[in-house]
């Protein structure tokens, strides 16, 4: 069974990677819950533990007006269930 991701752990991982925190704990708690519900905790942990680098034209570190983007590997049925039709 995967270890659940908490807001505290998520905040610590973001701080360790980028040297800053970019959000409030109550919002991170919701993000951590969603990541767990989608079964992507291992992917998020691996991404945040990897060195920061530019990817697909995005800067290596979040700046004002951008967010941390992590591409999930979800089955089409999961995408449709959570986000509706048309996001595939």
PDB file of N, CA and C in Angstrom:
ATOM      1  N   UNK A   1       0.836  -1.179   0.000  1.00  0.00           N
ATOM      2  CA  UNK A   1       0.000   0.000   0.000  1.00  0.00           C
ATOM      3  C   UNK A   1       0.884   1.247   0.000  1.00  0.00           C
ATOM      4  N   UNK A   2       0.517   2.207  -0.814  1.00  0.00           N
ATOM      5  CA  UNK A   2       1.274   3.449  -0.882  1.00  0.00           C
ATOM      6  C   UNK A   2       1.091   4.265   0.386  1.00  0.00           C
ATOM      7  N   UNK A   3       2.149   4.921   0.798  1.00  0.00           N
ATOM      8  CA  UNK A   3       2.089   5.819   1.939  1.00  0.00           C
ATOM      9  C   UNK A   3       1.358   7.090   1.516  1.00  0.00           C
ATOM     10  N   UNK A   4       0.324   7.523   2.245  1.00  0.00           N
ATOM     11  CA  UNK A   4      -0.375   8.749   1.880  1.00  0.00           C
ATOM     12  C   UNK A   4       0.570   9.953   1.909  1.00  0.00           C
ATOM     13  N   UNK A   5       0.285  10.917   1.076  1.00  0.00           N
ATOM     14  CA  UNK A   5       1.045  12.155   1.008  1.00  0.00           C
ATOM     15  C   UNK A   5       0.306  13.192   1.839  1.00  0.00           C
ATOM     16  N   UNK A   6       0.995  13.812   2.779  1.00  0.00           N
ATOM     17  CA  UNK A   6       0.367  14.838   3.618  1.00  0.00           C
ATOM     18  C   UNK A   6       0.760  16.225   3.133  1.00  0.00           C
ATOM     19  N   UNK A   7       0.008  17.217   3.570  1.00  0.00           N
ATOM     20  CA  UNK A   7       0.326  18.606   3.231  1.00  0.00           C
ATOM     21  C   UNK A   7       1.710  18.979   3.760  1.00  0.00           C
ATOM     22  N   UNK A   8       2.037  18.508   4.954  1.00  0.00           N
ATOM     23  CA  UNK A   8       3.336  18.808   5.548  1.00  0.00           C
ATOM     24  C   UNK A   8       4.463  18.228   4.712  1.00  0.00           C
ATOM     25  N   UNK A   9       4.333  16.962   4.312  1.00  0.00           N
ATOM     26  CA  UNK A   9       5.370  16.347   3.491  1.00  0.00           C
ATOM     27  C   UNK A   9       5.482  17.053   2.142  1.00  0.00           C
ATOM     28  N   UNK A  10       4.339  17.367   1.535  1.00  0.00           N
ATOM     29  CA  UNK A  10       4.342  18.054   0.246  1.00  0.00           C
ATOM     30  C   UNK A  10       5.053  19.400   0.356  1.00  0.00           C
ATOM     31  N   UNK A  11       4.754  20.155   1.397  1.00  0.00           N
ATOM     32  CA  UNK A  11       5.404  21.451   1.618  1.00  0.00           C
ATOM     33  C   UNK A  11       6.911  21.277   1.809  1.00  0.00           C
ATOM     34  N   UNK A  12       7.317  20.262   2.593  1.00  0.00           N
ATOM     35  CA  UNK A  12       8.744  20.010   2.824  1.00  0.00           C
ATOM     36  C   UNK A  12       9.460  19.613   1.537  1.00  0.00           C
ATOM     37  N   UNK A  13       8.831  18.793   0.707  1.00  0.00           N
ATOM     38  CA  UNK A  13       9.436  18.384  -0.560  1.00  0.00           C
ATOM     39  C   UNK A  13       9.591  19.582  -1.499  1.00  0.00           C
ATOM     40  N   UNK A  14       8.569  20.433  -1.559  1.00  0.00           N
ATOM     41  CA  UNK A  14       8.651  21.630  -2.401  1.00  0.00           C
ATOM     42  C   UNK A  14       9.749  22.546  -1.899  1.00  0.00           C
ATOM     43  N   UNK A  15       9.839  22.731  -0.588  1.00  0.00           N
ATOM     44  CA  UNK A  15      10.885  23.592  -0.028  1.00  0.00           C
ATOM     45  C   UNK A  15      12.275  23.011  -0.300  1.00  0.00           C
ATOM     46  N   UNK A  16      12.420  21.695  -0.145  1.00  0.00           N
ATOM     47  CA  UNK A  16      13.723  21.064  -0.380  1.00  0.00           C
ATOM     48  C   UNK A  16      14.161  21.223  -1.840  1.00  0.00           C
ATOM     49  N   UNK A  17      13.224  21.175  -2.768  1.00  0.00           N
ATOM     50  CA  UNK A  17      13.563  21.264  -4.184  1.00  0.00           C
ATOM     51  C   UNK A  17      13.785  22.701  -4.632  1.00  0.00           C
ATOM     52  N   UNK A  18      12.928  23.620  -4.193  1.00  0.00           N
ATOM     53  CA  UNK A  18      12.955  24.981  -4.716  1.00  0.00           C
ATOM     54  C   UNK A  18      13.432  26.043  -3.724  1.00  0.00           C
ATOM     55  N   UNK A  19      13.600  25.683  -2.446  1.00  0.00           N
ATOM     56  CA  UNK A  19      14.086  26.636  -1.456  1.00  0.00           C
ATOM     57  C   UNK A  19      13.038  27.629  -0.990  1.00  0.00           C
ATOM     58  N   UNK A  20      11.796  27.436  -1.399  1.00  0.00           N
ATOM     59  CA  UNK A  20      10.693  28.311  -1.004  1.00  0.00           C
ATOM     60  C   UNK A  20       9.425  27.475  -0.942  1.00  0.00           C
ATOM     61  N   UNK A  21       8.455  27.999  -0.225  1.00  0.00           N
ATOM     62  CA  UNK A  21       7.136  27.383  -0.274  1.00  0.00           C
ATOM     63  C   UNK A  21       6.233  28.326  -1.046  1.00  0.00           C
ATOM     64  N   UNK A  22       5.357  27.773  -1.814  1.00  0.00           N
ATOM     65  CA  UNK A  22       4.563  28.570  -2.740  1.00  0.00           C
ATOM     66  C   UNK A  22       3.073  28.554  -2.449  1.00  0.00           C
ATOM     67  N   UNK A  23       2.646  27.925  -1.392  1.00  0.00           N
ATOM     68  CA  UNK A  23       1.220  27.817  -1.147  1.00  0.00           C
ATOM     69  C   UNK A  23       0.932  27.722   0.349  1.00  0.00           C
ATOM     70  N   UNK A  24      -0.350  27.737   0.697  1.00  0.00           N
ATOM     71  CA  UNK A  24      -0.783  27.602   2.088  1.00  0.00           C
ATOM     72  C   UNK A  24      -1.119  26.173   2.394  1.00  0.00           C
ATOM     73  N   UNK A  25      -1.002  25.807   3.677  1.00  0.00           N
ATOM     74  CA  UNK A  25      -1.179  24.421   4.099  1.00  0.00           C
ATOM     75  C   UNK A  25      -2.574  23.869   3.763  1.00  0.00           C
ATOM     76  N   UNK A  26      -3.622  24.659   3.923  1.00  0.00           N
ATOM     77  CA  UNK A  26      -4.958  24.131   3.651  1.00  0.00           C
ATOM     78  C   UNK A  26      -5.124  23.770   2.177  1.00  0.00           C
ATOM     79  N   UNK A  27      -4.523  24.529   1.288  1.00  0.00           N
ATOM     80  CA  UNK A  27      -4.586  24.195  -0.134  1.00  0.00           C
ATOM     81  C   UNK A  27      -3.725  22.961  -0.427  1.00  0.00           C
ATOM     82  N   UNK A  28      -2.558  22.885   0.193  1.00  0.00           N
ATOM     83  CA  UNK A  28      -1.690  21.720  -0.008  1.00  0.00           C
ATOM     84  C   UNK A  28      -2.354  20.444   0.497  1.00  0.00           C
ATOM     85  N   UNK A  29      -3.156  20.559   1.544  1.00  0.00           N
ATOM     86  CA  UNK A  29      -3.864  19.395   2.058  1.00  0.00           C
ATOM     87  C   UNK A  29      -4.817  18.857   0.999  1.00  0.00           C
ATOM     88  N   UNK A  30      -5.511  19.736   0.297  1.00  0.00           N
ATOM     89  CA  UNK A  30      -6.407  19.314  -0.779  1.00  0.00           C
ATOM     90  C   UNK A  30      -5.645  18.715  -1.948  1.00  0.00           C
ATOM     91  N   UNK A  31      -4.502  19.315  -2.286  1.00  0.00           N
ATOM     92  CA  UNK A  31      -3.674  18.789  -3.373  1.00  0.00           C
ATOM     93  C   UNK A  31      -3.156  17.403  -3.006  1.00  0.00           C
ATOM     94  N   UNK A  32      -2.673  17.257  -1.767  1.00  0.00           N
ATOM     95  CA  UNK A  32      -2.152  15.958  -1.321  1.00  0.00           C
ATOM     96  C   UNK A  32      -3.253  14.895  -1.360  1.00  0.00           C
ATOM     97  N   UNK A  33      -4.464  15.265  -0.955  1.00  0.00           N
ATOM     98  CA  UNK A  33      -5.580  14.326  -0.993  1.00  0.00           C
ATOM     99  C   UNK A  33      -5.876  13.889  -2.427  1.00  0.00           C
ATOM    100  N   UNK A  34      -5.937  14.841  -3.343  1.00  0.00           N
ATOM    101  CA  UNK A  34      -6.226  14.529  -4.744  1.00  0.00           C
ATOM    102  C   UNK A  34      -5.136  13.644  -5.350  1.00  0.00           C
ATOM    103  N   UNK A  35      -3.881  13.958  -5.063  1.00  0.00           N
ATOM    104  CA  UNK A  35      -2.764  13.154  -5.567  1.00  0.00           C
ATOM    105  C   UNK A  35      -2.898  11.712  -5.078  1.00  0.00           C
ATOM    106  N   UNK A  36      -3.248  11.545  -3.813  1.00  0.00           N
ATOM    107  CA  UNK A  36      -3.435  10.201  -3.267  1.00  0.00           C
ATOM    108  C   UNK A  36      -4.618   9.486  -3.888  1.00  0.00           C
ATOM    109  N   UNK A  37      -5.725  10.203  -4.061  1.00  0.00           N
ATOM    110  CA  UNK A  37      -6.926   9.608  -4.650  1.00  0.00           C
ATOM    111  C   UNK A  37      -6.676   9.157  -6.087  1.00  0.00           C
ATOM    112  N   UNK A  38      -5.801   9.859  -6.789  1.00  0.00           N
ATOM    113  CA  UNK A  38      -5.454   9.490  -8.161  1.00  0.00           C
ATOM    114  C   UNK A  38      -4.337   8.448  -8.225  1.00  0.00           C
ATOM    115  N   UNK A  39      -3.796   8.058  -7.065  1.00  0.00           N
ATOM    116  CA  UNK A  39      -2.751   7.034  -7.033  1.00  0.00           C
ATOM    117  C   UNK A  39      -1.412   7.517  -7.569  1.00  0.00           C
ATOM    118  N   UNK A  40      -1.113   8.801  -7.398  1.00  0.00           N
ATOM    119  CA  UNK A  40       0.099   9.366  -7.982  1.00  0.00           C
ATOM    120  C   UNK A  40       1.118   9.848  -6.939  1.00  0.00           C
ATOM    121  N   UNK A  41       1.002   9.360  -5.694  1.00  0.00           N
ATOM    122  CA  UNK A  41       1.911   9.825  -4.641  1.00  0.00           C
ATOM    123  C   UNK A  41       3.369   9.511  -4.955  1.00  0.00           C
ATOM    124  N   UNK A  42       3.650   8.321  -5.457  1.00  0.00           N
ATOM    125  CA  UNK A  42       5.040   7.957  -5.766  1.00  0.00           C
ATOM    126  C   UNK A  42       5.611   8.855  -6.863  1.00  0.00           C
ATOM    127  N   UNK A  43       4.798   9.164  -7.863  1.00  0.00           N
ATOM    128  CA  UNK A  43       5.252  10.015  -8.964  1.00  0.00           C
ATOM    129  C   UNK A  43       5.552  11.428  -8.470  1.00  0.00           C
ATOM    130  N   UNK A  44       4.699  11.973  -7.607  1.00  0.00           N
ATOM    131  CA  UNK A  44       4.914  13.321  -7.073  1.00  0.00           C
ATOM    132  C   UNK A  44       6.161  13.352  -6.202  1.00  0.00           C
ATOM    133  N   UNK A  45       6.325  12.358  -5.348  1.00  0.00           N
ATOM    134  CA  UNK A  45       7.527  12.310  -4.509  1.00  0.00           C
ATOM    135  C   UNK A  45       8.789  12.241  -5.369  1.00  0.00           C
ATOM    136  N   UNK A  46       8.780  11.385  -6.376  1.00  0.00           N
ATOM    137  CA  UNK A  46       9.956  11.234  -7.246  1.00  0.00           C
ATOM    138  C   UNK A  46      10.258  12.548  -7.971  1.00  0.00           C
ATOM    139  N   UNK A  47       9.226  13.218  -8.483  1.00  0.00           N
ATOM    140  CA  UNK A  47       9.420  14.488  -9.184  1.00  0.00           C
ATOM    141  C   UNK A  47      10.018  15.536  -8.250  1.00  0.00           C
ATOM    142  N   UNK A  48       9.487  15.639  -7.047  1.00  0.00           N
ATOM    143  CA  UNK A  48       9.963  16.679  -6.126  1.00  0.00           C
ATOM    144  C   UNK A  48      11.328  16.353  -5.518  1.00  0.00           C
ATOM    145  N   UNK A  49      11.714  15.093  -5.536  1.00  0.00           N
ATOM    146  CA  UNK A  49      13.047  14.726  -5.039  1.00  0.00           C
ATOM    147  C   UNK A  49      14.119  14.835  -6.123  1.00  0.00           C
ATOM    148  N   UNK A  50      13.721  14.886  -7.385  1.00  0.00           N
ATOM    149  CA  UNK A  50      14.666  15.015  -8.503  1.00  0.00           C
ATOM    150  C   UNK A  50      15.151  16.463  -8.602  1.00  0.00           C
ATOM    151  N   UNK A  51      16.354  16.676  -9.126  1.00  0.00           N
ATOM    152  CA  UNK A  51      16.852  18.041  -9.288  1.00  0.00           C
ATOM    153  C   UNK A  51      15.935  18.869 -10.195  1.00  0.00           C
ATOM    154  N   UNK A  52      15.834  20.151  -9.888  1.00  0.00           N
ATOM    155  CA  UNK A  52      15.016  21.059 -10.710  1.00  0.00           C
ATOM    156  C   UNK A  52      15.699  21.267 -12.052  1.00  0.00           C
ATOM    157  N   UNK A  53      14.921  21.157 -13.143  1.00  0.00           N
ATOM    158  CA  UNK A  53      15.465  21.408 -14.473  1.00  0.00           C
ATOM    159  C   UNK A  53      14.332  21.867 -15.383  1.00  0.00           C
ATOM    160  N   UNK A  54      14.692  22.576 -16.437  1.00  0.00           N
ATOM    161  CA  UNK A  54      13.702  23.032 -17.404  1.00  0.00           C
ATOM    162  C   UNK A  54      13.099  21.835 -18.130  1.00  0.00           C
ATOM    163  N   UNK A  55      11.797  21.912 -18.375  1.00  0.00           N
ATOM    164  CA  UNK A  55      11.115  20.849 -19.109  1.00  0.00           C
ATOM    165  C   UNK A  55      10.077  21.469 -20.024  1.00  0.00           C
ATOM    166  N   UNK A  56      10.120  21.109 -21.292  1.00  0.00           N
ATOM    167  CA  UNK A  56       9.120  21.529 -22.277  1.00  0.00           C
ATOM    168  C   UNK A  56       8.870  23.033 -22.251  1.00  0.00           C
ATOM    169  N   UNK A  57       9.938  23.795 -22.200  1.00  0.00           N
ATOM    170  CA  UNK A  57       9.825  25.244 -22.255  1.00  0.00           C
ATOM    171  C   UNK A  57       9.495  25.912 -20.934  1.00  0.00           C
ATOM    172  N   UNK A  58       9.254  25.145 -19.886  1.00  0.00           N
ATOM    173  CA  UNK A  58       8.959  25.714 -18.571  1.00  0.00           C
ATOM    174  C   UNK A  58      10.269  25.973 -17.833  1.00  0.00           C
ATOM    175  N   UNK A  59      10.330  27.035 -17.013  1.00  0.00           N
ATOM    176  CA  UNK A  59      11.550  27.308 -16.265  1.00  0.00           C
ATOM    177  C   UNK A  59      11.812  26.210 -15.234  1.00  0.00           C
ATOM    178  N   UNK A  60      13.056  26.077 -14.770  1.00  0.00           N
ATOM    179  CA  UNK A  60      13.365  25.026 -13.814  1.00  0.00           C
ATOM    180  C   UNK A  60      12.712  25.249 -12.452  1.00  0.00           C
ATOM    181  N   UNK A  61      12.368  26.488 -12.158  1.00  0.00           N
ATOM    182  CA  UNK A  61      11.725  26.811 -10.894  1.00  0.00           C
ATOM    183  C   UNK A  61      10.461  27.617 -11.161  1.00  0.00           C
ATOM    184  N   UNK A  62       9.415  27.407 -10.358  1.00  0.00           N
ATOM    185  CA  UNK A  62       8.201  28.187 -10.547  1.00  0.00           C
ATOM    186  C   UNK A  62       8.478  29.681 -10.353  1.00  0.00           C
ATOM    187  N   UNK A  63       7.850  30.496 -11.151  1.00  0.00           N
ATOM    188  CA  UNK A  63       7.940  31.951 -11.014  1.00  0.00           C
ATOM    189  C   UNK A  63       6.516  32.487 -10.933  1.00  0.00           C
ATOM    190  N   UNK A  64       6.385  33.755 -10.598  1.00  0.00           N
ATOM    191  CA  UNK A  64       5.060  34.348 -10.496  1.00  0.00           C
ATOM    192  C   UNK A  64       4.293  34.102 -11.801  1.00  0.00           C
ATOM    193  N   UNK A  65       3.110  33.593 -11.672  1.00  0.00           N
ATOM    194  CA  UNK A  65       2.285  33.326 -12.846  1.00  0.00           C
ATOM    195  C   UNK A  65       2.406  31.917 -13.396  1.00  0.00           C
ATOM    196  N   UNK A  66       3.282  31.094 -12.826  1.00  0.00           N
ATOM    197  CA  UNK A  66       3.391  29.703 -13.261  1.00  0.00           C
ATOM    198  C   UNK A  66       3.173  28.790 -12.055  1.00  0.00           C
ATOM    199  N   UNK A  67       3.032  27.531 -12.321  1.00  0.00           N
ATOM    200  CA  UNK A  67       2.829  26.543 -11.262  1.00  0.00           C
ATOM    201  C   UNK A  67       3.769  25.380 -11.486  1.00  0.00           C
ATOM    202  N   UNK A  68       3.880  24.530 -10.491  1.00  0.00           N
ATOM    203  CA  UNK A  68       4.621  23.290 -10.651  1.00  0.00           C
ATOM    204  C   UNK A  68       3.736  22.352 -11.465  1.00  0.00           C
ATOM    205  N   UNK A  69       4.236  21.856 -12.576  1.00  0.00           N
ATOM    206  CA  UNK A  69       3.473  20.951 -13.435  1.00  0.00           C
ATOM    207  C   UNK A  69       4.085  19.562 -13.389  1.00  0.00           C
ATOM    208  N   UNK A  70       3.260  18.593 -13.044  1.00  0.00           N
ATOM    209  CA  UNK A  70       3.686  17.195 -13.005  1.00  0.00           C
ATOM    210  C   UNK A  70       2.703  16.415 -13.851  1.00  0.00           C
ATOM    211  N   UNK A  71       3.198  15.759 -14.875  1.00  0.00           N
ATOM    212  CA  UNK A  71       2.331  14.980 -15.772  1.00  0.00           C
ATOM    213  C   UNK A  71       2.047  13.620 -15.139  1.00  0.00           C
ATOM    214  N   UNK A  72       0.771  13.327 -14.916  1.00  0.00           N
ATOM    215  CA  UNK A  72       0.367  12.057 -14.342  1.00  0.00           C
ATOM    216  C   UNK A  72       0.125  11.033 -15.446  1.00  0.00           C
ATOM    217  N   UNK A  73       0.308   9.770 -15.117  1.00  0.00           N
ATOM    218  CA  UNK A  73       0.000   8.667 -16.016  1.00  0.00           C
ATOM    219  C   UNK A  73      -1.314   8.052 -15.536  1.00  0.00           C
ATOM    220  N   UNK A  74      -2.418   8.519 -16.119  1.00  0.00           N
ATOM    221  CA  UNK A  74      -3.737   8.052 -15.708  1.00  0.00           C
ATOM    222  C   UNK A  74      -4.426   7.317 -16.844  1.00  0.00           C
ATOM    223  N   UNK A  75      -5.174   6.311 -16.487  1.00  0.00           N
ATOM    224  CA  UNK A  75      -5.983   5.586 -17.462  1.00  0.00           C
ATOM    225  C   UNK A  75      -7.089   6.526 -17.958  1.00  0.00           C
ATOM    226  N   UNK A  76      -7.498   6.397 -19.222  1.00  0.00           N
ATOM    227  CA  UNK A  76      -8.553   7.259 -19.755  1.00  0.00           C
ATOM    228  C   UNK A  76      -9.833   7.259 -18.917  1.00  0.00           C
ATOM    229  N   UNK A  77     -10.197   6.119 -18.367  1.00  0.00           N
ATOM    230  CA  UNK A  77     -11.398   6.045 -17.530  1.00  0.00           C
ATOM    231  C   UNK A  77     -11.289   6.880 -16.267  1.00  0.00           C
ATOM    232  N   UNK A  78     -10.104   6.928 -15.691  1.00  0.00           N
ATOM    233  CA  UNK A  78      -9.879   7.737 -14.489  1.00  0.00           C
ATOM    234  C   UNK A  78      -9.976   9.216 -14.836  1.00  0.00           C
ATOM    235  N   UNK A  79      -9.385   9.600 -15.952  1.00  0.00           N
ATOM    236  CA  UNK A  79      -9.449  10.999 -16.387  1.00  0.00           C
ATOM    237  C   UNK A  79     -10.902  11.413 -16.593  1.00  0.00           C
ATOM    238  N   UNK A  80     -11.661  10.578 -17.276  1.00  0.00           N
ATOM    239  CA  UNK A  80     -13.065  10.902 -17.531  1.00  0.00           C
ATOM    240  C   UNK A  80     -13.868  10.964 -16.236  1.00  0.00           C
ATOM    241  N   UNK A  81     -13.603  10.028 -15.316  1.00  0.00           N
ATOM    242  CA  UNK A  81     -14.328  10.001 -14.043  1.00  0.00           C
ATOM    243  C   UNK A  81     -14.092  11.278 -13.239  1.00  0.00           C
ATOM    244  N   UNK A  82     -12.847  11.732 -13.171  1.00  0.00           N
ATOM    245  CA  UNK A  82     -12.494  12.880 -12.336  1.00  0.00           C
ATOM    246  C   UNK A  82     -12.707  14.216 -13.036  1.00  0.00           C
ATOM    247  N   UNK A  83     -12.441  14.264 -14.324  1.00  0.00           N
ATOM    248  CA  UNK A  83     -12.397  15.551 -15.013  1.00  0.00           C
ATOM    249  C   UNK A  83     -13.432  15.692 -16.121  1.00  0.00           C
ATOM    250  N   UNK A  84     -14.202  14.630 -16.385  1.00  0.00           N
ATOM    251  CA  UNK A  84     -15.226  14.703 -17.414  1.00  0.00           C
ATOM    252  C   UNK A  84     -14.688  14.334 -18.785  1.00  0.00           C
ATOM    253  N   UNK A  85     -15.563  14.308 -19.729  1.00  0.00           N
ATOM    254  CA  UNK A  85     -15.210  13.947 -21.090  1.00  0.00           C
ATOM    255  C   UNK A  85     -14.519  15.124 -21.776  1.00  0.00           C
ATOM    256  N   UNK A  86     -13.554  14.846 -22.618  1.00  0.00           N
ATOM    257  CA  UNK A  86     -12.897  15.910 -23.384  1.00  0.00           C
ATOM    258  C   UNK A  86     -11.532  16.304 -22.886  1.00  0.00           C
ATOM    259  N   UNK A  87     -11.032  15.697 -21.812  1.00  0.00           N
ATOM    260  CA  UNK A  87      -9.697  16.036 -21.313  1.00  0.00           C
ATOM    261  C   UNK A  87      -8.643  15.036 -21.741  1.00  0.00           C
ATOM    262  N   UNK A  88      -8.944  14.186 -22.696  1.00  0.00           N
ATOM    263  CA  UNK A  88      -7.974  13.160 -23.087  1.00  0.00           C
ATOM    264  C   UNK A  88      -7.229  13.527 -24.289  1.00  0.00           C
TER     265      UNK A  88
END
